[in-house]
């Protein structure tokens, strides 16, 4: 599970903790670590939550994150089995990694 805050690429190859604020770094690192732990790449599934417009700024970062995510899923051939994206409410997510179960609460 990861939580990225910004779409796109920045600090690619950096080991700085701020590099993982960016979607591509967070996603690539997560997938690499899962494969190192023994996961089979072709069997990975994703569930995506978030991308709400919760800040009152001109830039719609939530939608940009959603757009990035769909592009990433398509480019990397991930299978997205569930999603709840966009809107204007913050989501609280409970995730059970051993089963893949996810509960979402919109605040």
PDB file of N, CA and C in Angstrom:
ATOM      1  N   UNK A   1       0.866  -1.175   0.000  1.00  0.00           N
ATOM      2  CA  UNK A   1       0.000   0.000   0.000  1.00  0.00           C
ATOM      3  C   UNK A   1       0.899   1.219   0.000  1.00  0.00           C
ATOM      4  N   UNK A   2       0.524   2.202  -0.793  1.00  0.00           N
ATOM      5  CA  UNK A   2       1.244   3.475  -0.731  1.00  0.00           C
ATOM      6  C   UNK A   2       0.270   4.636  -0.831  1.00  0.00           C
ATOM      7  N   UNK A   3       0.761   5.799  -0.543  1.00  0.00           N
ATOM      8  CA  UNK A   3      -0.033   7.021  -0.584  1.00  0.00           C
ATOM      9  C   UNK A   3       0.830   8.098  -1.213  1.00  0.00           C
ATOM     10  N   UNK A   4       0.625   8.320  -2.499  1.00  0.00           N
ATOM     11  CA  UNK A   4       1.406   9.379  -3.132  1.00  0.00           C
ATOM     12  C   UNK A   4       0.582  10.652  -3.204  1.00  0.00           C
ATOM     13  N   UNK A   5       1.274  11.782  -3.189  1.00  0.00           N
ATOM     14  CA  UNK A   5       0.607  13.076  -3.122  1.00  0.00           C
ATOM     15  C   UNK A   5       0.676  13.866  -4.418  1.00  0.00           C
ATOM     16  N   UNK A   6       1.658  13.546  -5.259  1.00  0.00           N
ATOM     17  CA  UNK A   6       1.870  14.315  -6.483  1.00  0.00           C
ATOM     18  C   UNK A   6       1.982  13.367  -7.673  1.00  0.00           C
ATOM     19  N   UNK A   7       1.417  13.759  -8.806  1.00  0.00           N
ATOM     20  CA  UNK A   7       1.514  12.904  -9.990  1.00  0.00           C
ATOM     21  C   UNK A   7       2.881  13.035 -10.649  1.00  0.00           C
ATOM     22  N   UNK A   8       3.120  12.180 -11.592  1.00  0.00           N
ATOM     23  CA  UNK A   8       4.291  12.341 -12.439  1.00  0.00           C
ATOM     24  C   UNK A   8       5.585  11.899 -11.819  1.00  0.00           C
ATOM     25  N   UNK A   9       6.659  12.425 -12.383  1.00  0.00           N
ATOM     26  CA  UNK A   9       7.995  11.976 -12.019  1.00  0.00           C
ATOM     27  C   UNK A   9       8.832  13.129 -11.492  1.00  0.00           C
ATOM     28  N   UNK A  10       9.523  12.858 -10.433  1.00  0.00           N
ATOM     29  CA  UNK A  10      10.505  13.789  -9.906  1.00  0.00           C
ATOM     30  C   UNK A  10      11.454  12.982  -9.053  1.00  0.00           C
ATOM     31  N   UNK A  11      12.676  13.344  -9.034  1.00  0.00           N
ATOM     32  CA  UNK A  11      13.668  12.649  -8.214  1.00  0.00           C
ATOM     33  C   UNK A  11      13.796  11.180  -8.583  1.00  0.00           C
ATOM     34  N   UNK A  12      13.560  10.825  -9.848  1.00  0.00           N
ATOM     35  CA  UNK A  12      13.654   9.433 -10.246  1.00  0.00           C
ATOM     36  C   UNK A  12      15.050   8.916  -9.912  1.00  0.00           C
ATOM     37  N   UNK A  13      15.091   7.798  -9.239  1.00  0.00           N
ATOM     38  CA  UNK A  13      16.366   7.221  -8.833  1.00  0.00           C
ATOM     39  C   UNK A  13      16.869   7.742  -7.504  1.00  0.00           C
ATOM     40  N   UNK A  14      16.220   8.719  -6.947  1.00  0.00           N
ATOM     41  CA  UNK A  14      16.645   9.280  -5.667  1.00  0.00           C
ATOM     42  C   UNK A  14      16.212   8.361  -4.531  1.00  0.00           C
ATOM     43  N   UNK A  15      17.009   8.316  -3.496  1.00  0.00           N
ATOM     44  CA  UNK A  15      16.620   7.540  -2.317  1.00  0.00           C
ATOM     45  C   UNK A  15      16.027   8.443  -1.242  1.00  0.00           C
ATOM     46  N   UNK A  16      15.852   9.703  -1.560  1.00  0.00           N
ATOM     47  CA  UNK A  16      15.270  10.649  -0.617  1.00  0.00           C
ATOM     48  C   UNK A  16      13.817  10.257  -0.327  1.00  0.00           C
ATOM     49  N   UNK A  17      13.404  10.421   0.924  1.00  0.00           N
ATOM     50  CA  UNK A  17      12.029  10.079   1.289  1.00  0.00           C
ATOM     51  C   UNK A  17      11.022  10.972   0.568  1.00  0.00           C
ATOM     52  N   UNK A  18      11.422  12.172   0.181  1.00  0.00           N
ATOM     53  CA  UNK A  18      10.491  13.050  -0.548  1.00  0.00           C
ATOM     54  C   UNK A  18      10.234  12.555  -1.967  1.00  0.00           C
ATOM     55  N   UNK A  19      11.109  11.714  -2.502  1.00  0.00           N
ATOM     56  CA  UNK A  19      10.900  11.165  -3.849  1.00  0.00           C
ATOM     57  C   UNK A  19       9.619  10.349  -3.904  1.00  0.00           C
ATOM     58  N   UNK A  20       9.217   9.746  -2.776  1.00  0.00           N
ATOM     59  CA  UNK A  20       8.045   8.884  -2.761  1.00  0.00           C
ATOM     60  C   UNK A  20       6.739   9.655  -2.622  1.00  0.00           C
ATOM     61  N   UNK A  21       6.816  10.971  -2.591  1.00  0.00           N
ATOM     62  CA  UNK A  21       5.611  11.778  -2.676  1.00  0.00           C
ATOM     63  C   UNK A  21       5.049  11.737  -4.094  1.00  0.00           C
ATOM     64  N   UNK A  22       5.906  11.385  -5.058  1.00  0.00           N
ATOM     65  CA  UNK A  22       5.534  11.356  -6.467  1.00  0.00           C
ATOM     66  C   UNK A  22       5.066   9.962  -6.859  1.00  0.00           C
ATOM     67  N   UNK A  23       3.956   9.922  -7.594  1.00  0.00           N
ATOM     68  CA  UNK A  23       3.319   8.670  -7.963  1.00  0.00           C
ATOM     69  C   UNK A  23       4.221   7.641  -8.588  1.00  0.00           C
ATOM     70  N   UNK A  24       5.005   8.034  -9.572  1.00  0.00           N
ATOM     71  CA  UNK A  24       5.815   7.045 -10.275  1.00  0.00           C
ATOM     72  C   UNK A  24       6.849   6.414  -9.349  1.00  0.00           C
ATOM     73  N   UNK A  25       7.434   7.185  -8.486  1.00  0.00           N
ATOM     74  CA  UNK A  25       8.430   6.649  -7.557  1.00  0.00           C
ATOM     75  C   UNK A  25       7.779   5.718  -6.533  1.00  0.00           C
ATOM     76  N   UNK A  26       6.650   6.144  -5.994  1.00  0.00           N
ATOM     77  CA  UNK A  26       5.954   5.323  -4.998  1.00  0.00           C
ATOM     78  C   UNK A  26       5.473   4.012  -5.606  1.00  0.00           C
ATOM     79  N   UNK A  27       4.896   4.074  -6.799  1.00  0.00           N
ATOM     80  CA  UNK A  27       4.383   2.868  -7.442  1.00  0.00           C
ATOM     81  C   UNK A  27       5.509   1.921  -7.844  1.00  0.00           C
ATOM     82  N   UNK A  28       6.544   2.459  -8.471  1.00  0.00           N
ATOM     83  CA  UNK A  28       7.660   1.604  -8.895  1.00  0.00           C
ATOM     84  C   UNK A  28       8.318   0.927  -7.698  1.00  0.00           C
ATOM     85  N   UNK A  29       8.540   1.674  -6.630  1.00  0.00           N
ATOM     86  CA  UNK A  29       9.177   1.119  -5.438  1.00  0.00           C
ATOM     87  C   UNK A  29       8.309   0.014  -4.827  1.00  0.00           C
ATOM     88  N   UNK A  30       7.008   0.260  -4.735  1.00  0.00           N
ATOM     89  CA  UNK A  30       6.107  -0.738  -4.165  1.00  0.00           C
ATOM     90  C   UNK A  30       6.146  -2.030  -4.976  1.00  0.00           C
ATOM     91  N   UNK A  31       6.054  -1.919  -6.290  1.00  0.00           N
ATOM     92  CA  UNK A  31       6.062  -3.105  -7.143  1.00  0.00           C
ATOM     93  C   UNK A  31       7.397  -3.830  -7.047  1.00  0.00           C
ATOM     94  N   UNK A  32       8.496  -3.086  -7.061  1.00  0.00           N
ATOM     95  CA  UNK A  32       9.823  -3.711  -6.929  1.00  0.00           C
ATOM     96  C   UNK A  32       9.947  -4.484  -5.623  1.00  0.00           C
ATOM     97  N   UNK A  33       9.479  -3.889  -4.526  1.00  0.00           N
ATOM     98  CA  UNK A  33       9.572  -4.550  -3.223  1.00  0.00           C
ATOM     99  C   UNK A  33       8.686  -5.797  -3.156  1.00  0.00           C
ATOM    100  N   UNK A  34       7.500  -5.730  -3.768  1.00  0.00           N
ATOM    101  CA  UNK A  34       6.620  -6.895  -3.789  1.00  0.00           C
ATOM    102  C   UNK A  34       7.255  -8.052  -4.560  1.00  0.00           C
ATOM    103  N   UNK A  35       7.865  -7.731  -5.690  1.00  0.00           N
ATOM    104  CA  UNK A  35       8.525  -8.766  -6.493  1.00  0.00           C
ATOM    105  C   UNK A  35       9.709  -9.356  -5.731  1.00  0.00           C
ATOM    106  N   UNK A  36      10.491  -8.505  -5.059  1.00  0.00           N
ATOM    107  CA  UNK A  36      11.607  -9.007  -4.252  1.00  0.00           C
ATOM    108  C   UNK A  36      11.122  -9.908  -3.123  1.00  0.00           C
ATOM    109  N   UNK A  37       9.904  -9.656  -2.642  1.00  0.00           N
ATOM    110  CA  UNK A  37       9.343 -10.467  -1.558  1.00  0.00           C
ATOM    111  C   UNK A  37       8.740 -11.769  -2.077  1.00  0.00           C
ATOM    112  N   UNK A  38       8.742 -11.944  -3.398  1.00  0.00           N
ATOM    113  CA  UNK A  38       8.270 -13.207  -3.955  1.00  0.00           C
ATOM    114  C   UNK A  38       6.983 -13.145  -4.757  1.00  0.00           C
ATOM    115  N   UNK A  39       6.403 -11.978  -4.914  1.00  0.00           N
ATOM    116  CA  UNK A  39       5.175 -11.865  -5.707  1.00  0.00           C
ATOM    117  C   UNK A  39       5.464 -12.085  -7.188  1.00  0.00           C
ATOM    118  N   UNK A  40       4.504 -12.635  -7.876  1.00  0.00           N
ATOM    119  CA  UNK A  40       4.591 -12.814  -9.322  1.00  0.00           C
ATOM    120  C   UNK A  40       3.953 -11.598  -9.975  1.00  0.00           C
ATOM    121  N   UNK A  41       4.709 -10.873 -10.778  1.00  0.00           N
ATOM    122  CA  UNK A  41       4.269  -9.606 -11.383  1.00  0.00           C
ATOM    123  C   UNK A  41       2.916  -9.735 -12.088  1.00  0.00           C
ATOM    124  N   UNK A  42       2.735 -10.813 -12.824  1.00  0.00           N
ATOM    125  CA  UNK A  42       1.505 -10.999 -13.597  1.00  0.00           C
ATOM    126  C   UNK A  42       0.270 -11.258 -12.723  1.00  0.00           C
ATOM    127  N   UNK A  43       0.488 -11.586 -11.469  1.00  0.00           N
ATOM    128  CA  UNK A  43      -0.637 -11.862 -10.568  1.00  0.00           C
ATOM    129  C   UNK A  43      -0.993 -10.672  -9.683  1.00  0.00           C
ATOM    130  N   UNK A  44      -0.229  -9.581  -9.776  1.00  0.00           N
ATOM    131  CA  UNK A  44      -0.513  -8.412  -8.945  1.00  0.00           C
ATOM    132  C   UNK A  44      -1.841  -7.781  -9.353  1.00  0.00           C
ATOM    133  N   UNK A  45      -2.572  -7.338  -8.349  1.00  0.00           N
ATOM    134  CA  UNK A  45      -3.816  -6.603  -8.567  1.00  0.00           C
ATOM    135  C   UNK A  45      -3.726  -5.303  -7.786  1.00  0.00           C
ATOM    136  N   UNK A  46      -4.394  -4.283  -8.283  1.00  0.00           N
ATOM    137  CA  UNK A  46      -4.393  -3.027  -7.535  1.00  0.00           C
ATOM    138  C   UNK A  46      -5.821  -2.615  -7.209  1.00  0.00           C
ATOM    139  N   UNK A  47      -5.926  -1.868  -6.132  1.00  0.00           N
ATOM    140  CA  UNK A  47      -7.155  -1.210  -5.725  1.00  0.00           C
ATOM    141  C   UNK A  47      -6.770   0.240  -5.488  1.00  0.00           C
ATOM    142  N   UNK A  48      -7.540   1.157  -6.027  1.00  0.00           N
ATOM    143  CA  UNK A  48      -7.155   2.573  -5.994  1.00  0.00           C
ATOM    144  C   UNK A  48      -8.247   3.412  -5.340  1.00  0.00           C
ATOM    145  N   UNK A  49      -7.821   4.291  -4.444  1.00  0.00           N
ATOM    146  CA  UNK A  49      -8.743   5.160  -3.723  1.00  0.00           C
ATOM    147  C   UNK A  49      -8.123   6.542  -3.623  1.00  0.00           C
ATOM    148  N   UNK A  50      -8.930   7.575  -3.739  1.00  0.00           N
ATOM    149  CA  UNK A  50      -8.426   8.922  -3.545  1.00  0.00           C
ATOM    150  C   UNK A  50      -8.685   9.828  -4.723  1.00  0.00           C
ATOM    151  N   UNK A  51      -7.823  10.818  -4.856  1.00  0.00           N
ATOM    152  CA  UNK A  51      -7.938  11.766  -5.952  1.00  0.00           C
ATOM    153  C   UNK A  51      -9.037  12.798  -5.770  1.00  0.00           C
ATOM    154  N   UNK A  52      -9.479  12.992  -4.544  1.00  0.00           N
ATOM    155  CA  UNK A  52     -10.529  13.983  -4.301  1.00  0.00           C
ATOM    156  C   UNK A  52      -9.965  15.398  -4.379  1.00  0.00           C
ATOM    157  N   UNK A  53     -10.826  16.321  -4.723  1.00  0.00           N
ATOM    158  CA  UNK A  53     -10.467  17.744  -4.728  1.00  0.00           C
ATOM    159  C   UNK A  53     -10.806  18.301  -3.356  1.00  0.00           C
ATOM    160  N   UNK A  54      -9.830  18.258  -2.452  1.00  0.00           N
ATOM    161  CA  UNK A  54     -10.090  18.667  -1.073  1.00  0.00           C
ATOM    162  C   UNK A  54      -9.417  19.982  -0.707  1.00  0.00           C
ATOM    163  N   UNK A  55      -8.566  20.499  -1.580  1.00  0.00           N
ATOM    164  CA  UNK A  55      -7.891  21.765  -1.316  1.00  0.00           C
ATOM    165  C   UNK A  55      -8.501  22.866  -2.174  1.00  0.00           C
ATOM    166  N   UNK A  56      -8.591  24.043  -1.628  1.00  0.00           N
ATOM    167  CA  UNK A  56      -9.154  25.163  -2.387  1.00  0.00           C
ATOM    168  C   UNK A  56      -8.030  25.935  -3.081  1.00  0.00           C
ATOM    169  N   UNK A  57      -7.425  25.286  -4.055  1.00  0.00           N
ATOM    170  CA  UNK A  57      -6.373  25.913  -4.851  1.00  0.00           C
ATOM    171  C   UNK A  57      -6.747  25.778  -6.318  1.00  0.00           C
ATOM    172  N   UNK A  58      -6.134  26.569  -7.146  1.00  0.00           N
ATOM    173  CA  UNK A  58      -6.464  26.576  -8.568  1.00  0.00           C
ATOM    174  C   UNK A  58      -6.135  25.249  -9.245  1.00  0.00           C
ATOM    175  N   UNK A  59      -5.063  24.615  -8.818  1.00  0.00           N
ATOM    176  CA  UNK A  59      -4.639  23.355  -9.428  1.00  0.00           C
ATOM    177  C   UNK A  59      -5.472  22.201  -8.877  1.00  0.00           C
ATOM    178  N   UNK A  60      -5.974  21.352  -9.755  1.00  0.00           N
ATOM    179  CA  UNK A  60      -6.733  20.182  -9.318  1.00  0.00           C
ATOM    180  C   UNK A  60      -5.795  18.983  -9.219  1.00  0.00           C
ATOM    181  N   UNK A  61      -5.027  18.945  -8.156  1.00  0.00           N
ATOM    182  CA  UNK A  61      -4.026  17.901  -7.975  1.00  0.00           C
ATOM    183  C   UNK A  61      -4.671  16.523  -7.856  1.00  0.00           C
ATOM    184  N   UNK A  62      -5.871  16.463  -7.269  1.00  0.00           N
ATOM    185  CA  UNK A  62      -6.565  15.180  -7.150  1.00  0.00           C
ATOM    186  C   UNK A  62      -6.821  14.555  -8.511  1.00  0.00           C
ATOM    187  N   UNK A  63      -7.340  15.341  -9.442  1.00  0.00           N
ATOM    188  CA  UNK A  63      -7.617  14.819 -10.783  1.00  0.00           C
ATOM    189  C   UNK A  63      -6.328  14.475 -11.513  1.00  0.00           C
ATOM    190  N   UNK A  64      -5.286  15.258 -11.285  1.00  0.00           N
ATOM    191  CA  UNK A  64      -3.996  14.942 -11.910  1.00  0.00           C
ATOM    192  C   UNK A  64      -3.454  13.619 -11.387  1.00  0.00           C
ATOM    193  N   UNK A  65      -3.655  13.344 -10.097  1.00  0.00           N
ATOM    194  CA  UNK A  65      -3.239  12.058  -9.532  1.00  0.00           C
ATOM    195  C   UNK A  65      -4.035  10.906 -10.140  1.00  0.00           C
ATOM    196  N   UNK A  66      -5.337  11.106 -10.317  1.00  0.00           N
ATOM    197  CA  UNK A  66      -6.178  10.084 -10.938  1.00  0.00           C
ATOM    198  C   UNK A  66      -5.722   9.823 -12.369  1.00  0.00           C
ATOM    199  N   UNK A  67      -5.492  10.895 -13.127  1.00  0.00           N
ATOM    200  CA  UNK A  67      -5.029  10.752 -14.512  1.00  0.00           C
ATOM    201  C   UNK A  67      -3.693  10.011 -14.561  1.00  0.00           C
ATOM    202  N   UNK A  68      -2.777  10.378 -13.659  1.00  0.00           N
ATOM    203  CA  UNK A  68      -1.490   9.687 -13.595  1.00  0.00           C
ATOM    204  C   UNK A  68      -1.694   8.200 -13.318  1.00  0.00           C
ATOM    205  N   UNK A  69      -2.532   7.902 -12.331  1.00  0.00           N
ATOM    206  CA  UNK A  69      -2.735   6.515 -11.939  1.00  0.00           C
ATOM    207  C   UNK A  69      -3.262   5.675 -13.095  1.00  0.00           C
ATOM    208  N   UNK A  70      -4.287   6.164 -13.810  1.00  0.00           N
ATOM    209  CA  UNK A  70      -4.840   5.389 -14.926  1.00  0.00           C
ATOM    210  C   UNK A  70      -3.800   5.200 -16.023  1.00  0.00           C
ATOM    211  N   UNK A  71      -2.997   6.218 -16.270  1.00  0.00           N
ATOM    212  CA  UNK A  71      -1.931   6.089 -17.265  1.00  0.00           C
ATOM    213  C   UNK A  71      -0.907   5.045 -16.809  1.00  0.00           C
ATOM    214  N   UNK A  72      -0.532   5.090 -15.540  1.00  0.00           N
ATOM    215  CA  UNK A  72       0.444   4.141 -14.994  1.00  0.00           C
ATOM    216  C   UNK A  72      -0.084   2.717 -15.077  1.00  0.00           C
ATOM    217  N   UNK A  73      -1.338   2.507 -14.686  1.00  0.00           N
ATOM    218  CA  UNK A  73      -1.953   1.179 -14.724  1.00  0.00           C
ATOM    219  C   UNK A  73      -1.943   0.643 -16.158  1.00  0.00           C
ATOM    220  N   UNK A  74      -2.274   1.504 -17.092  1.00  0.00           N
ATOM    221  CA  UNK A  74      -2.301   1.095 -18.503  1.00  0.00           C
ATOM    222  C   UNK A  74      -0.890   0.769 -19.009  1.00  0.00           C
ATOM    223  N   UNK A  75       0.074   1.650 -18.746  1.00  0.00           N
ATOM    224  CA  UNK A  75       1.446   1.454 -19.235  1.00  0.00           C
ATOM    225  C   UNK A  75       2.112   0.215 -18.652  1.00  0.00           C
ATOM    226  N   UNK A  76       1.808  -0.080 -17.398  1.00  0.00           N
ATOM    227  CA  UNK A  76       2.482  -1.189 -16.712  1.00  0.00           C
ATOM    228  C   UNK A  76       1.654  -2.470 -16.693  1.00  0.00           C
ATOM    229  N   UNK A  77       0.484  -2.430 -17.302  1.00  0.00           N
ATOM    230  CA  UNK A  77      -0.384  -3.606 -17.422  1.00  0.00           C
ATOM    231  C   UNK A  77      -0.804  -4.166 -16.070  1.00  0.00           C
ATOM    232  N   UNK A  78      -1.052  -3.273 -15.106  1.00  0.00           N
ATOM    233  CA  UNK A  78      -1.597  -3.711 -13.822  1.00  0.00           C
ATOM    234  C   UNK A  78      -3.089  -3.979 -13.990  1.00  0.00           C
ATOM    235  N   UNK A  79      -3.609  -4.871 -13.184  1.00  0.00           N
ATOM    236  CA  UNK A  79      -5.031  -5.183 -13.217  1.00  0.00           C
ATOM    237  C   UNK A  79      -5.688  -4.495 -12.020  1.00  0.00           C
ATOM    238  N   UNK A  80      -6.511  -3.483 -12.293  1.00  0.00           N
ATOM    239  CA  UNK A  80      -7.192  -2.751 -11.224  1.00  0.00           C
ATOM    240  C   UNK A  80      -8.542  -3.418 -10.975  1.00  0.00           C
ATOM    241  N   UNK A  81      -8.705  -3.984  -9.773  1.00  0.00           N
ATOM    242  CA  UNK A  81      -9.906  -4.753  -9.459  1.00  0.00           C
ATOM    243  C   UNK A  81     -10.961  -3.954  -8.700  1.00  0.00           C
ATOM    244  N   UNK A  82     -10.587  -2.799  -8.159  1.00  0.00           N
ATOM    245  CA  UNK A  82     -11.534  -1.954  -7.442  1.00  0.00           C
ATOM    246  C   UNK A  82     -10.985  -0.536  -7.380  1.00  0.00           C
ATOM    247  N   UNK A  83     -11.895   0.434  -7.419  1.00  0.00           N
ATOM    248  CA  UNK A  83     -11.446   1.820  -7.293  1.00  0.00           C
ATOM    249  C   UNK A  83     -12.591   2.719  -6.854  1.00  0.00           C
ATOM    250  N   UNK A  84     -12.233   3.801  -6.213  1.00  0.00           N
ATOM    251  CA  UNK A  84     -13.135   4.875  -5.827  1.00  0.00           C
ATOM    252  C   UNK A  84     -12.307   6.149  -5.901  1.00  0.00           C
ATOM    253  N   UNK A  85     -12.530   6.929  -6.940  1.00  0.00           N
ATOM    254  CA  UNK A  85     -11.652   8.066  -7.228  1.00  0.00           C
ATOM    255  C   UNK A  85     -12.452   9.341  -7.467  1.00  0.00           C
ATOM    256  N   UNK A  86     -11.823  10.469  -7.147  1.00  0.00           N
ATOM    257  CA  UNK A  86     -12.418  11.776  -7.411  1.00  0.00           C
ATOM    258  C   UNK A  86     -13.362  12.221  -6.309  1.00  0.00           C
ATOM    259  N   UNK A  87     -14.194  13.164  -6.648  1.00  0.00           N
ATOM    260  CA  UNK A  87     -15.145  13.705  -5.688  1.00  0.00           C
ATOM    261  C   UNK A  87     -14.532  14.818  -4.852  1.00  0.00           C
ATOM    262  N   UNK A  88     -15.203  15.126  -3.748  1.00  0.00           N
ATOM    263  CA  UNK A  88     -14.768  16.231  -2.897  1.00  0.00           C
ATOM    264  C   UNK A  88     -14.615  15.837  -1.429  1.00  0.00           C
ATOM    265  N   UNK A  89     -14.694  14.554  -1.145  1.00  0.00           N
ATOM    266  CA  UNK A  89     -14.577  14.108   0.241  1.00  0.00           C
ATOM    267  C   UNK A  89     -13.298  13.318   0.456  1.00  0.00           C
ATOM    268  N   UNK A  90     -12.701  13.538   1.622  1.00  0.00           N
ATOM    269  CA  UNK A  90     -11.520  12.786   2.040  1.00  0.00           C
ATOM    270  C   UNK A  90     -11.943  11.348   2.315  1.00  0.00           C
ATOM    271  N   UNK A  91     -11.072  10.410   1.976  1.00  0.00           N
ATOM    272  CA  UNK A  91     -11.338   9.002   2.242  1.00  0.00           C
ATOM    273  C   UNK A  91     -10.418   8.498   3.352  1.00  0.00           C
ATOM    274  N   UNK A  92     -10.977   7.697   4.216  1.00  0.00           N
ATOM    275  CA  UNK A  92     -10.173   6.952   5.186  1.00  0.00           C
ATOM    276  C   UNK A  92     -10.236   5.506   4.760  1.00  0.00           C
ATOM    277  N   UNK A  93      -9.077   4.898   4.645  1.00  0.00           N
ATOM    278  CA  UNK A  93      -8.979   3.545   4.126  1.00  0.00           C
ATOM    279  C   UNK A  93      -8.458   2.607   5.208  1.00  0.00           C
ATOM    280  N   UNK A  94      -9.100   1.471   5.355  1.00  0.00           N
ATOM    281  CA  UNK A  94      -8.588   0.379   6.190  1.00  0.00           C
ATOM    282  C   UNK A  94      -8.256  -0.752   5.240  1.00  0.00           C
ATOM    283  N   UNK A  95      -7.041  -1.273   5.351  1.00  0.00           N
ATOM    284  CA  UNK A  95      -6.558  -2.282   4.415  1.00  0.00           C
ATOM    285  C   UNK A  95      -5.981  -3.461   5.173  1.00  0.00           C
ATOM    286  N   UNK A  96      -6.404  -4.654   4.792  1.00  0.00           N
ATOM    287  CA  UNK A  96      -5.882  -5.885   5.355  1.00  0.00           C
ATOM    288  C   UNK A  96      -5.012  -6.553   4.285  1.00  0.00           C
ATOM    289  N   UNK A  97      -3.683  -6.415   4.389  1.00  0.00           N
ATOM    290  CA  UNK A  97      -2.801  -6.921   3.331  1.00  0.00           C
ATOM    291  C   UNK A  97      -2.825  -8.438   3.151  1.00  0.00           C
ATOM    292  N   UNK A  98      -3.142  -9.179   4.181  1.00  0.00           N
ATOM    293  CA  UNK A  98      -3.139 -10.638   4.030  1.00  0.00           C
ATOM    294  C   UNK A  98      -4.320 -11.135   3.206  1.00  0.00           C
ATOM    295  N   UNK A  99      -5.415 -10.380   3.187  1.00  0.00           N
ATOM    296  CA  UNK A  99      -6.605 -10.809   2.433  1.00  0.00           C
ATOM    297  C   UNK A  99      -6.893  -9.893   1.240  1.00  0.00           C
ATOM    298  N   UNK A 100      -6.376  -8.663   1.268  1.00  0.00           N
ATOM    299  CA  UNK A 100      -6.684  -7.692   0.220  1.00  0.00           C
ATOM    300  C   UNK A 100      -7.959  -6.925   0.480  1.00  0.00           C
ATOM    301  N   UNK A 101      -8.620  -7.197   1.597  1.00  0.00           N
ATOM    302  CA  UNK A 101      -9.858  -6.510   1.935  1.00  0.00           C
ATOM    303  C   UNK A 101      -9.583  -5.037   2.191  1.00  0.00           C
ATOM    304  N   UNK A 102     -10.503  -4.177   1.693  1.00  0.00           N
ATOM    305  CA  UNK A 102     -10.384  -2.731   1.903  1.00  0.00           C
ATOM    306  C   UNK A 102     -11.747  -2.196   2.320  1.00  0.00           C
ATOM    307  N   UNK A 103     -11.756  -1.376   3.346  1.00  0.00           N
ATOM    308  CA  UNK A 103     -12.958  -0.637   3.725  1.00  0.00           C
ATOM    309  C   UNK A 103     -12.658   0.841   3.545  1.00  0.00           C
ATOM    310  N   UNK A 104     -13.634   1.540   2.975  1.00  0.00           N
ATOM    311  CA  UNK A 104     -13.477   2.965   2.732  1.00  0.00           C
ATOM    312  C   UNK A 104     -14.553   3.726   3.495  1.00  0.00           C
ATOM    313  N   UNK A 105     -14.132   4.830   4.102  1.00  0.00           N
ATOM    314  CA  UNK A 105     -15.072   5.728   4.770  1.00  0.00           C
ATOM    315  C   UNK A 105     -14.819   7.129   4.223  1.00  0.00           C
ATOM    316  N   UNK A 106     -15.853   7.742   3.654  1.00  0.00           N
ATOM    317  CA  UNK A 106     -15.708   9.113   3.156  1.00  0.00           C
ATOM    318  C   UNK A 106     -16.067  10.076   4.271  1.00  0.00           C
ATOM    319  N   UNK A 107     -15.193  11.053   4.501  1.00  0.00           N
ATOM    320  CA  UNK A 107     -15.389  12.010   5.589  1.00  0.00           C
ATOM    321  C   UNK A 107     -15.910  13.321   5.039  1.00  0.00           C
TER     322      UNK A 107
END
